[in-house]
Amino acid sequence: MNKTILFLAGIAAMTLVSEVSALPLFARQTGMACSACHFQHFPLLNGFGRAFKSAGYTMIATQGKVEGEGLSIPSTLNMAVLTTAGYEKSNQTVSKTAENTTGDGAFYVPGNGGELDLFIGGRVSSNTGFLAEVGRGGAVSGTAISSTRSSAKLPILFEINSNMFKLAEGTRAGFVPFSTDDEGASYGFELLNTGANAVQQMSATSGLNDAHSAALSAQQYIGTAGAVTGVALVANNPAGFINLTKYNQTGISHGALAVLGSTYLRVTGMFDLAGWDAGVGIQSWSGSSVSPTGTPGYIFSTPICGPNGANCNPVNQTAPATYGVTQTKATAIDGQMQGSMGPLPVGFYFSYARAPAGNSNSYNIDPAAAVAGSAVITAYGTATKSALNISMEVGVIPEKATLGAAMRRGRSGVAVGAADNASDNAITLVATYNLAQNMMASFSLTNSNGEYWDAAHQDALGSKTCTINLVTLF
């Protein structure tokens, strides 16, 4: 009871303190307020935000330029910093070793559990942009350890003459070389807010073991994020986009050359639906490619002993990753509607995704198997893993505060007890408050239930997760 009161008091204190924006490096480049690109709050994109991203981050306005024959770059190299801090509590079993879990209740700060990311990017030329991220933080598996991760992409998108080819104005086509340690094949190019990419969904708070993300997005539930290096072939205009990507399941941190054996296809349509900004899309992952088959970041104990075996003490070490060829098979369909009901902005989002069973399908893995100290040893699912996710968010104080809710009806792909494909459902409640255009406080509560949540899975993952989070961008 006392902890509940503390949670509510913390949220109340934060709300007494206005939209978290896109990366401030782009605000500096365009000279526009952060809220110009976002619907309600970061990271949701509005129509203008989609147009800016579709042009490969090349738009430049009030910022000075260095120009010459074949040269047009900002006069300043634009950068930004993102940090997160907060508190998370789950019903995961409390720690049995010196490593804390969120079952104990855990605070996190930038760089230690929380994110500490440096972004560099912007306009390279009239047809080319760049974005790179180097970061540290975020809870890994069931422990409090932090990870170092990086992402980078170089969108090279040429504007197509609309009169010559009778295409819509703003049509562009080109390619995007990219690599990411944690955002998956969709990192190359994505515009919808459905969780088709790990970052672009209703809440910027993923939660321990992606508890909140997996309730908001079916794509994130089946596990399509992760390390990827690839090249995206992209064509886009205001009516939608096509993204055909060849990729490998290794990222920057792996330092491995990529043999692009997997294929990702994304097709979307964007349109006005009775005044609502709407979009629908499909996704397909296929093929197989090199993937880390070990568990980077897994904590294990090795005895360190003195002479003749005296004074032995366990010391935590990190297991190195090993590599093998694994399958990448999944499909998804998703959609969104963003608009208003009376004076209040409202967003609706849905997604459905499935990943077939296989001996080595990277998108059908029991997430509990990767948690340090877990009693669950099953890795790949033995049945089709799937989920239907629906969410909505209302701006109860426009441009300031939102309330949102999401539900998941899922099948885990895992046999638990008498269930060959254990059910895995969830309900999530989200509240956000914009302290400033570049600061957002949020409260997320996810309650999972179903046949999947036996004692071992609850011990490993926690079926209930509550997170208070503060995101700051500058």
Protein backbone atom coordinates (compact mmCIF):
# COMPACT_ATOMS: atom_id res chain seq x y z
CA MET A 1 0.00 0.00 0.00
CA ASN A 2 2.82 2.39 0.94
CA LYS A 3 4.60 1.69 -2.37
CA THR A 4 1.40 2.40 -4.30
CA ILE A 5 1.07 5.73 -2.52
CA LEU A 6 4.67 6.55 -3.37
CA PHE A 7 4.04 5.74 -7.05
CA LEU A 8 0.99 8.03 -7.16
CA ALA A 9 2.74 10.78 -5.25
CA GLY A 10 5.66 10.64 -7.67
CA ILE A 11 3.36 11.04 -10.66
CA ALA A 12 1.46 13.87 -8.97
CA ALA A 13 4.70 15.69 -8.20
CA MET A 14 5.85 15.45 -11.80
CA THR A 15 2.58 16.78 -13.18
CA LEU A 16 2.91 19.94 -11.05
CA VAL A 17 5.95 20.95 -12.84
CA SER A 18 4.81 21.01 -21.71
CA GLU A 19 5.49 17.83 -26.06
CA VAL A 20 8.71 15.73 -26.02
CA SER A 21 10.16 16.35 -29.31
CA ALA A 22 12.01 14.69 -32.01
CA LEU A 23 15.72 14.81 -31.75
CA PRO A 24 16.72 18.42 -31.04
CA LEU A 25 19.46 18.11 -33.64
CA PHE A 26 16.71 18.24 -36.28
CA ALA A 27 15.02 21.17 -34.52
CA ARG A 28 18.33 23.02 -34.73
CA GLN A 29 18.69 22.18 -38.42
CA THR A 30 15.16 23.19 -39.43
CA GLY A 31 14.68 26.05 -36.97
CA MET A 32 11.26 24.60 -36.09
CA ALA A 33 9.78 23.65 -32.74
CA CYS A 34 10.09 19.98 -31.85
CA SER A 35 6.31 19.62 -31.76
CA ALA A 36 6.10 20.38 -35.49
CA CYS A 37 7.01 16.75 -36.27
CA HIS A 38 5.06 14.87 -33.61
CA PHE A 39 1.51 13.84 -32.83
CA GLN A 40 0.84 14.45 -29.12
CA HIS A 41 4.35 13.51 -27.96
CA PHE A 42 7.61 11.81 -28.84
CA PRO A 43 8.08 9.40 -30.58
CA LEU A 44 4.79 9.54 -32.55
CA LEU A 45 5.13 11.16 -36.00
CA ASN A 46 2.54 13.41 -37.63
CA GLY A 47 2.26 14.14 -41.35
CA PHE A 48 5.00 16.77 -41.32
CA GLY A 49 7.30 14.48 -39.34
CA ARG A 50 6.77 11.75 -41.92
CA ALA A 51 7.62 14.19 -44.72
CA PHE A 52 10.84 15.25 -43.01
CA LYS A 53 11.92 11.66 -42.45
CA SER A 54 10.83 10.65 -45.98
CA ALA A 55 13.24 13.23 -47.41
CA GLY A 56 16.13 11.62 -45.53
CA TYR A 57 16.60 14.34 -42.88
CA THR A 58 17.69 16.85 -45.57
CA MET A 59 15.28 19.74 -44.90
CA ILE A 60 17.09 22.83 -43.72
CA ALA A 61 15.65 26.29 -43.01
CA THR A 62 16.96 29.03 -40.77
CA GLN A 63 20.27 27.36 -39.92
CA GLY A 64 23.21 28.65 -41.90
CA LYS A 65 24.63 26.54 -44.74
CA VAL A 66 28.01 26.03 -46.28
CA GLU A 67 27.36 25.89 -50.01
CA GLY A 68 29.36 25.55 -53.17
CA GLU A 69 29.30 23.57 -56.39
CA GLY A 70 28.06 20.12 -55.34
CA LEU A 71 28.04 21.11 -51.64
CA SER A 72 25.19 22.04 -49.29
CA ILE A 73 25.65 21.22 -45.61
CA PRO A 74 24.67 22.89 -42.32
CA SER A 75 27.22 25.35 -41.00
CA THR A 76 27.09 23.51 -37.68
CA LEU A 77 27.38 19.79 -37.02
CA ASN A 78 24.14 19.05 -35.17
CA MET A 79 24.07 16.77 -32.14
CA ALA A 80 21.63 15.78 -29.40
CA VAL A 81 21.60 13.87 -26.13
CA LEU A 82 18.81 11.60 -24.85
CA THR A 83 18.62 10.42 -21.25
CA THR A 84 16.13 8.40 -19.22
CA ALA A 85 15.78 7.99 -15.48
CA GLY A 86 13.13 6.41 -13.31
CA TYR A 87 11.93 3.54 -11.17
CA GLU A 88 10.66 0.09 -12.15
CA LYS A 89 8.98 -2.61 -10.09
CA SER A 90 7.78 -6.03 -11.21
CA ASN A 91 6.62 -9.26 -9.60
CA GLN A 92 9.70 -11.03 -10.90
CA THR A 93 11.29 -13.04 -8.10
CA VAL A 94 13.66 -10.89 -6.06
CA SER A 95 17.34 -11.45 -6.64
CA LYS A 96 19.07 -14.54 -5.33
CA THR A 97 22.54 -13.06 -5.85
CA ALA A 98 24.19 -9.68 -5.58
CA GLU A 99 22.58 -8.67 -8.91
CA ASN A 100 19.31 -6.85 -8.26
CA THR A 101 16.20 -7.36 -10.40
CA THR A 102 13.12 -5.22 -10.70
CA GLY A 103 11.48 -7.72 -8.36
CA ASP A 104 13.44 -5.82 -5.72
CA GLY A 105 12.24 -2.50 -7.10
CA ALA A 106 15.01 -0.71 -9.00
CA PHE A 107 15.97 2.87 -9.71
CA TYR A 108 17.81 3.63 -12.93
CA VAL A 109 19.73 6.72 -14.00
CA PRO A 110 21.31 7.79 -17.31
CA GLY A 111 23.98 5.29 -18.34
CA ASN A 112 23.27 2.88 -15.47
CA GLY A 113 20.02 1.10 -16.28
CA GLY A 114 18.69 4.28 -17.91
CA GLU A 115 19.57 5.40 -21.41
CA LEU A 116 22.40 7.80 -22.19
CA ASP A 117 22.52 8.33 -25.97
CA LEU A 118 24.45 10.71 -28.19
CA PHE A 119 22.96 11.43 -31.63
CA ILE A 120 24.80 12.99 -34.56
CA GLY A 121 23.25 13.65 -37.95
CA GLY A 122 21.35 15.80 -40.39
CA ARG A 123 21.82 16.97 -43.94
CA VAL A 124 24.73 15.63 -46.00
CA SER A 125 23.52 16.96 -49.37
CA SER A 126 20.23 17.80 -51.05
CA ASN A 127 19.56 14.06 -51.50
CA THR A 128 21.38 12.52 -48.54
CA GLY A 129 21.08 12.59 -44.77
CA PHE A 130 22.66 10.80 -41.85
CA LEU A 131 21.77 9.68 -38.34
CA ALA A 132 24.00 7.90 -35.84
CA GLU A 133 23.41 6.93 -32.22
CA VAL A 134 25.91 5.78 -29.64
CA GLY A 135 24.34 4.84 -26.36
CA ARG A 136 24.57 3.01 -23.10
CA GLY A 137 21.86 1.87 -20.72
CA GLY A 138 18.56 0.07 -20.58
CA ALA A 139 17.91 -3.06 -18.52
CA VAL A 140 19.09 -6.26 -20.17
CA SER A 141 17.23 -9.53 -19.61
CA GLY A 142 16.40 -10.07 -15.97
CA THR A 143 19.35 -8.24 -14.47
CA ALA A 144 20.30 -4.69 -13.79
CA ILE A 145 23.29 -4.75 -16.16
CA SER A 146 23.54 -2.16 -18.92
CA SER A 147 24.48 -2.53 -22.55
CA THR A 148 26.46 -0.42 -24.98
CA ARG A 149 24.74 -0.13 -28.33
CA SER A 150 24.97 1.85 -31.55
CA SER A 151 22.93 2.52 -34.69
CA ALA A 152 23.65 4.40 -37.90
CA LYS A 153 22.00 4.96 -41.28
CA LEU A 154 22.66 6.95 -44.44
CA PRO A 155 19.42 7.61 -46.39
CA ILE A 156 20.23 8.46 -50.02
CA LEU A 157 16.85 9.35 -51.52
CA PHE A 158 16.52 11.15 -54.86
CA GLU A 159 13.46 13.22 -55.70
CA ILE A 160 11.68 11.92 -58.80
CA ASN A 161 10.43 14.39 -61.41
CA SER A 162 6.67 14.23 -60.88
CA ASN A 163 5.80 15.69 -64.29
CA MET A 164 8.02 13.35 -66.29
CA PHE A 165 6.80 10.17 -64.58
CA LYS A 166 3.32 11.39 -63.54
CA LEU A 167 3.98 10.61 -59.90
CA ALA A 168 2.78 12.46 -56.82
CA GLU A 169 4.82 15.47 -55.79
CA GLY A 170 7.34 14.54 -53.13
CA THR A 171 8.08 11.10 -54.58
CA ARG A 172 11.58 9.89 -53.72
CA ALA A 173 13.49 6.69 -54.33
CA GLY A 174 16.89 5.43 -53.30
CA PHE A 175 18.62 3.27 -50.75
CA VAL A 176 19.58 3.32 -47.07
CA PRO A 177 22.67 1.47 -45.83
CA PHE A 178 22.29 0.92 -42.07
CA SER A 179 23.31 -1.02 -39.00
CA THR A 180 21.66 -1.23 -35.60
CA ASP A 181 22.26 -3.18 -32.42
CA ASP A 182 18.65 -3.18 -31.25
CA GLU A 183 16.01 -1.86 -33.72
CA GLY A 184 15.67 -4.65 -36.28
CA ALA A 185 15.28 -4.74 -40.06
CA SER A 186 12.72 -1.91 -40.08
CA TYR A 187 15.33 0.57 -38.82
CA GLY A 188 16.32 1.41 -42.40
CA PHE A 189 13.01 3.17 -43.13
CA GLU A 190 9.69 3.29 -41.24
CA LEU A 191 6.96 5.92 -40.79
CA LEU A 192 3.96 4.39 -38.92
CA ASN A 193 3.49 4.60 -35.15
CA THR A 194 2.40 0.99 -34.64
CA GLY A 195 5.63 -0.49 -33.33
CA ALA A 196 6.64 -1.73 -36.79
CA ASN A 197 9.94 -0.25 -35.67
CA ALA A 198 10.90 -0.70 -32.03
CA VAL A 199 11.13 3.04 -31.34
CA GLN A 200 7.97 4.29 -33.10
CA GLN A 201 5.04 3.37 -30.87
CA MET A 202 2.65 4.97 -28.41
CA SER A 203 5.02 4.85 -25.45
CA ALA A 204 8.74 5.53 -25.34
CA THR A 205 9.03 3.27 -22.26
CA SER A 206 9.73 -0.34 -23.24
CA GLY A 207 9.88 -1.84 -19.73
CA LEU A 208 11.85 -4.78 -18.39
CA ASN A 209 12.17 -7.48 -21.05
CA ASP A 210 10.04 -5.21 -23.28
CA ALA A 211 6.98 -5.80 -21.08
CA HIS A 212 5.27 -2.58 -22.19
CA SER A 213 6.43 -2.69 -25.83
CA ALA A 214 5.17 -6.26 -26.23
CA ALA A 215 1.73 -5.16 -25.05
CA LEU A 216 1.64 -2.14 -27.40
CA SER A 217 2.94 -3.81 -30.57
CA ALA A 218 2.54 -7.29 -32.05
CA GLN A 219 5.78 -6.88 -34.01
CA GLN A 220 7.65 -6.26 -30.78
CA TYR A 221 5.88 -9.17 -29.08
CA ILE A 222 7.22 -11.69 -31.59
CA GLY A 223 10.66 -10.12 -31.32
CA THR A 224 11.46 -8.46 -34.64
CA ALA A 225 13.80 -5.93 -33.03
CA GLY A 226 17.44 -6.78 -32.48
CA ALA A 227 20.79 -6.53 -34.20
CA VAL A 228 20.67 -6.01 -37.99
CA THR A 229 23.00 -4.77 -40.72
CA GLY A 230 21.48 -4.22 -44.14
CA VAL A 231 20.59 -2.12 -47.15
CA ALA A 232 17.03 -0.84 -47.65
CA LEU A 233 15.73 -0.05 -51.14
CA VAL A 234 13.04 2.60 -50.63
CA ALA A 235 10.40 4.39 -52.70
CA ASN A 236 8.04 6.81 -50.95
CA ASN A 237 5.63 9.69 -51.38
CA PRO A 238 2.80 11.15 -49.25
CA ALA A 239 0.55 8.21 -50.27
CA GLY A 240 2.84 5.58 -48.72
CA PHE A 241 6.13 3.78 -49.12
CA ILE A 242 7.80 0.50 -50.08
CA ASN A 243 10.86 -0.77 -48.25
CA LEU A 244 12.72 -3.85 -49.54
CA THR A 245 15.66 -4.67 -47.29
CA LYS A 246 18.36 -7.31 -47.48
CA TYR A 247 19.93 -7.86 -44.08
CA ASN A 248 22.05 -9.89 -41.70
CA GLN A 249 21.32 -10.44 -38.00
CA THR A 250 24.41 -8.71 -36.63
CA GLY A 251 24.85 -5.11 -35.55
CA ILE A 252 27.60 -2.59 -34.98
CA SER A 253 28.65 -4.04 -31.62
CA HIS A 254 29.26 -7.47 -33.18
CA GLY A 255 31.86 -6.15 -35.61
CA ALA A 256 30.91 -8.86 -38.12
CA LEU A 257 30.84 -8.41 -41.89
CA ALA A 258 27.32 -8.91 -43.26
CA VAL A 259 26.22 -11.51 -45.79
CA LEU A 260 22.69 -10.34 -46.54
CA GLY A 261 20.74 -13.61 -46.53
CA SER A 262 17.48 -12.37 -44.98
CA THR A 263 14.78 -10.28 -46.69
CA TYR A 264 12.40 -7.73 -45.20
CA LEU A 265 9.49 -6.29 -47.21
CA ARG A 266 7.33 -3.43 -46.00
CA VAL A 267 4.44 -1.88 -47.98
CA THR A 268 2.20 0.89 -46.58
CA GLY A 269 -0.53 3.24 -47.71
CA MET A 270 -1.29 6.63 -46.13
CA PHE A 271 -4.60 8.43 -46.69
CA ASP A 272 -7.20 10.77 -45.27
CA LEU A 273 -10.15 8.93 -43.71
CA ALA A 274 -12.96 11.38 -42.98
CA GLY A 275 -10.47 13.87 -41.56
CA TRP A 276 -8.32 11.28 -39.81
CA ASP A 277 -4.66 10.81 -40.71
CA ALA A 278 -4.74 7.08 -41.47
CA GLY A 279 -2.36 4.40 -42.66
CA VAL A 280 -2.17 0.64 -43.10
CA GLY A 281 0.71 -1.65 -43.92
CA ILE A 282 2.06 -5.17 -44.20
CA GLN A 283 5.43 -6.61 -43.25
CA SER A 284 7.20 -9.81 -44.23
CA TRP A 285 10.46 -11.26 -42.97
CA SER A 286 11.97 -14.26 -44.77
CA GLY A 287 15.19 -16.13 -45.41
CA SER A 288 18.01 -16.93 -43.01
CA SER A 289 21.26 -15.26 -42.05
CA VAL A 290 24.08 -15.16 -39.54
CA SER A 291 22.90 -14.40 -36.01
CA PRO A 292 24.46 -14.39 -32.54
CA THR A 293 23.32 -17.72 -31.09
CA GLY A 294 24.83 -17.17 -27.68
CA THR A 295 23.47 -14.66 -25.19
CA PRO A 296 25.65 -11.54 -25.06
CA GLY A 297 25.39 -9.98 -21.62
CA TYR A 298 24.45 -13.25 -19.88
CA ILE A 299 25.91 -13.21 -16.39
CA PHE A 300 27.58 -16.34 -15.07
CA SER A 301 29.85 -17.06 -12.12
CA THR A 302 33.39 -18.36 -12.29
CA PRO A 303 35.30 -19.29 -9.12
CA ILE A 304 38.52 -17.30 -8.65
CA CYS A 305 40.81 -19.14 -6.27
CA GLY A 306 44.06 -18.52 -4.51
CA PRO A 307 47.01 -20.93 -4.31
CA ASN A 308 46.05 -24.60 -3.88
CA GLY A 309 42.37 -23.78 -4.31
CA ALA A 310 42.15 -21.63 -1.20
CA ASN A 311 39.80 -18.65 -0.75
CA CYS A 312 37.58 -19.39 -3.78
CA ASN A 313 35.13 -16.58 -4.60
CA PRO A 314 32.54 -16.44 -7.39
CA VAL A 315 33.10 -13.60 -9.85
CA ASN A 316 30.49 -12.48 -12.37
CA GLN A 317 31.65 -12.54 -16.00
CA THR A 318 30.01 -11.95 -19.36
CA ALA A 319 29.65 -14.82 -21.80
CA PRO A 320 30.78 -14.06 -25.36
CA ALA A 321 28.36 -14.45 -28.25
CA THR A 322 28.68 -17.32 -30.68
CA TYR A 323 27.35 -17.24 -34.24
CA GLY A 324 25.24 -19.47 -36.43
CA VAL A 325 22.69 -19.30 -39.23
CA THR A 326 19.10 -18.83 -38.03
CA GLN A 327 15.80 -18.31 -39.83
CA THR A 328 13.97 -14.99 -40.08
CA LYS A 329 10.33 -15.83 -40.73
CA ALA A 330 7.36 -13.67 -39.74
CA THR A 331 4.48 -11.61 -41.13
CA ALA A 332 2.52 -8.64 -39.81
CA ILE A 333 -0.29 -6.25 -40.66
CA ASP A 334 -0.84 -2.93 -38.89
CA GLY A 335 -2.66 0.37 -39.08
CA GLN A 336 -3.28 3.71 -37.39
CA MET A 337 -5.74 6.60 -37.22
CA GLN A 338 -4.71 9.94 -35.73
CA GLY A 339 -7.09 12.85 -35.41
CA SER A 340 -9.41 14.44 -32.88
CA MET A 341 -12.71 13.92 -31.14
CA GLY A 342 -14.02 17.37 -30.39
CA PRO A 343 -11.15 19.34 -28.85
CA LEU A 344 -9.15 16.28 -27.84
CA PRO A 345 -6.44 14.65 -30.01
CA VAL A 346 -6.87 10.87 -30.25
CA GLY A 347 -4.76 8.09 -31.75
CA PHE A 348 -5.79 4.50 -32.52
CA TYR A 349 -3.22 1.80 -33.37
CA PHE A 350 -3.47 -1.91 -34.16
CA SER A 351 -1.07 -4.65 -35.18
CA TYR A 352 -1.19 -8.39 -35.79
CA ALA A 353 1.95 -10.49 -36.22
CA ARG A 354 2.83 -14.16 -36.38
CA ALA A 355 6.04 -16.16 -36.50
CA PRO A 356 5.92 -19.86 -37.41
CA ALA A 357 7.57 -22.56 -35.34
CA GLY A 358 10.95 -23.74 -36.51
CA ASN A 359 14.16 -25.25 -35.29
CA SER A 360 15.84 -21.84 -35.39
CA ASN A 361 13.39 -19.00 -36.12
CA SER A 362 14.80 -15.85 -34.54
CA TYR A 363 11.30 -14.36 -34.27
CA ASN A 364 9.81 -17.24 -32.31
CA ILE A 365 11.88 -17.48 -29.15
CA ASP A 366 10.77 -17.84 -25.57
CA PRO A 367 12.08 -14.57 -24.05
CA ALA A 368 12.50 -16.19 -20.65
CA ALA A 369 15.22 -18.46 -22.03
CA ALA A 370 17.60 -15.52 -22.41
CA VAL A 371 17.26 -14.28 -18.83
CA ALA A 372 20.22 -14.89 -16.57
CA GLY A 373 19.46 -17.47 -13.91
CA SER A 374 16.19 -18.48 -15.58
CA ALA A 375 14.84 -21.96 -14.90
CA VAL A 376 13.27 -21.94 -18.38
CA ILE A 377 15.46 -23.73 -20.89
CA THR A 378 13.23 -23.82 -23.99
CA ALA A 379 14.53 -21.40 -26.59
CA TYR A 380 12.70 -21.72 -29.92
CA GLY A 381 8.91 -21.98 -29.93
CA THR A 382 7.31 -25.30 -30.84
CA ALA A 383 4.11 -23.68 -32.20
CA THR A 384 3.24 -20.49 -34.08
CA LYS A 385 3.84 -17.38 -31.99
CA SER A 386 1.27 -14.64 -32.64
CA ALA A 387 -0.39 -11.56 -31.18
CA LEU A 388 -3.17 -9.07 -31.86
CA ASN A 389 -2.49 -5.71 -30.21
CA ILE A 390 -4.85 -2.72 -30.05
CA SER A 391 -4.14 0.60 -28.34
CA MET A 392 -5.51 4.11 -28.10
CA GLU A 393 -4.35 7.37 -26.57
CA VAL A 394 -6.29 10.54 -25.73
CA GLY A 395 -4.77 13.97 -25.17
CA VAL A 396 -6.75 14.82 -22.03
CA ILE A 397 -4.88 18.15 -21.89
CA PRO A 398 -3.91 18.81 -25.52
CA GLU A 399 -0.15 19.20 -26.06
CA LYS A 400 0.37 18.49 -22.37
CA ALA A 401 -1.03 15.24 -20.93
CA THR A 402 -2.30 11.94 -22.36
CA LEU A 403 -3.97 8.80 -21.11
CA GLY A 404 -3.65 5.57 -23.08
CA ALA A 405 -4.56 1.91 -22.90
CA ALA A 406 -3.54 -1.20 -24.83
CA MET A 407 -4.44 -4.87 -24.92
CA ARG A 408 -2.77 -7.98 -26.32
CA ARG A 409 -4.26 -11.35 -27.18
CA GLY A 410 -1.25 -13.54 -27.75
CA ARG A 411 -0.01 -17.07 -28.25
CA SER A 412 3.48 -17.63 -26.91
CA GLY A 413 4.52 -20.46 -29.24
CA VAL A 414 5.62 -22.34 -26.11
CA ALA A 415 4.15 -25.46 -24.53
CA VAL A 416 3.36 -24.84 -20.86
CA GLY A 417 1.70 -27.53 -18.79
CA ALA A 418 -1.19 -29.02 -20.77
CA ALA A 419 -1.21 -26.14 -23.28
CA ASP A 420 0.64 -26.84 -26.55
CA ASN A 421 0.65 -23.11 -27.39
CA ALA A 422 0.22 -21.21 -24.15
CA SER A 423 -1.90 -18.06 -24.19
CA ASP A 424 -0.16 -14.80 -23.28
CA ASN A 425 -2.46 -11.80 -22.88
CA ALA A 426 -1.83 -8.35 -21.45
CA ILE A 427 -3.38 -5.01 -20.57
CA THR A 428 -1.30 -1.82 -20.39
CA LEU A 429 -2.17 1.61 -19.01
CA VAL A 430 -0.01 4.61 -19.94
CA ALA A 431 -0.04 8.22 -18.78
CA THR A 432 2.31 10.92 -20.08
CA TYR A 433 2.94 14.53 -19.14
CA ASN A 434 5.07 16.94 -21.16
CA LEU A 435 7.13 19.01 -18.77
CA ALA A 436 8.58 20.79 -21.80
CA GLN A 437 8.85 20.08 -25.51
CA ASN A 438 12.00 18.12 -24.76
CA MET A 439 11.04 16.49 -21.44
CA MET A 440 8.33 13.90 -20.83
CA ALA A 441 7.33 12.06 -17.67
CA SER A 442 5.36 8.82 -18.04
CA PHE A 443 3.74 6.11 -15.97
CA SER A 444 3.28 2.63 -17.50
CA LEU A 445 1.61 -0.39 -15.94
CA THR A 446 1.39 -3.77 -17.72
CA ASN A 447 -0.44 -6.78 -16.34
CA SER A 448 0.07 -10.04 -18.27
CA ASN A 449 -1.98 -13.19 -17.81
CA GLY A 450 -2.65 -16.55 -19.44
CA GLU A 451 -1.31 -20.09 -19.57
CA TYR A 452 2.23 -18.89 -20.27
CA TRP A 453 2.65 -17.38 -16.83
CA ASP A 454 3.53 -20.40 -14.74
CA ALA A 455 5.93 -20.05 -11.81
CA ALA A 456 9.08 -20.39 -13.94
CA HIS A 457 8.10 -17.70 -16.45
CA GLN A 458 6.93 -15.31 -13.76
CA ASP A 459 10.18 -15.92 -11.89
CA ALA A 460 12.20 -15.14 -15.02
CA LEU A 461 10.24 -12.22 -16.49
CA GLY A 462 7.60 -10.92 -14.12
CA SER A 463 4.00 -10.82 -15.32
CA LYS A 464 3.32 -7.38 -13.81
CA THR A 465 5.58 -4.41 -14.52
CA CYS A 466 5.21 -0.81 -13.37
CA THR A 467 7.54 1.94 -14.61
CA ILE A 468 7.92 5.65 -13.85
CA ASN A 469 10.12 7.18 -16.53
CA LEU A 470 11.53 10.61 -17.35
CA VAL A 471 12.87 11.21 -20.90
CA THR A 472 15.02 14.26 -21.55
CA LEU A 473 16.32 15.44 -24.94
CA PHE A 474 18.61 18.39 -25.49
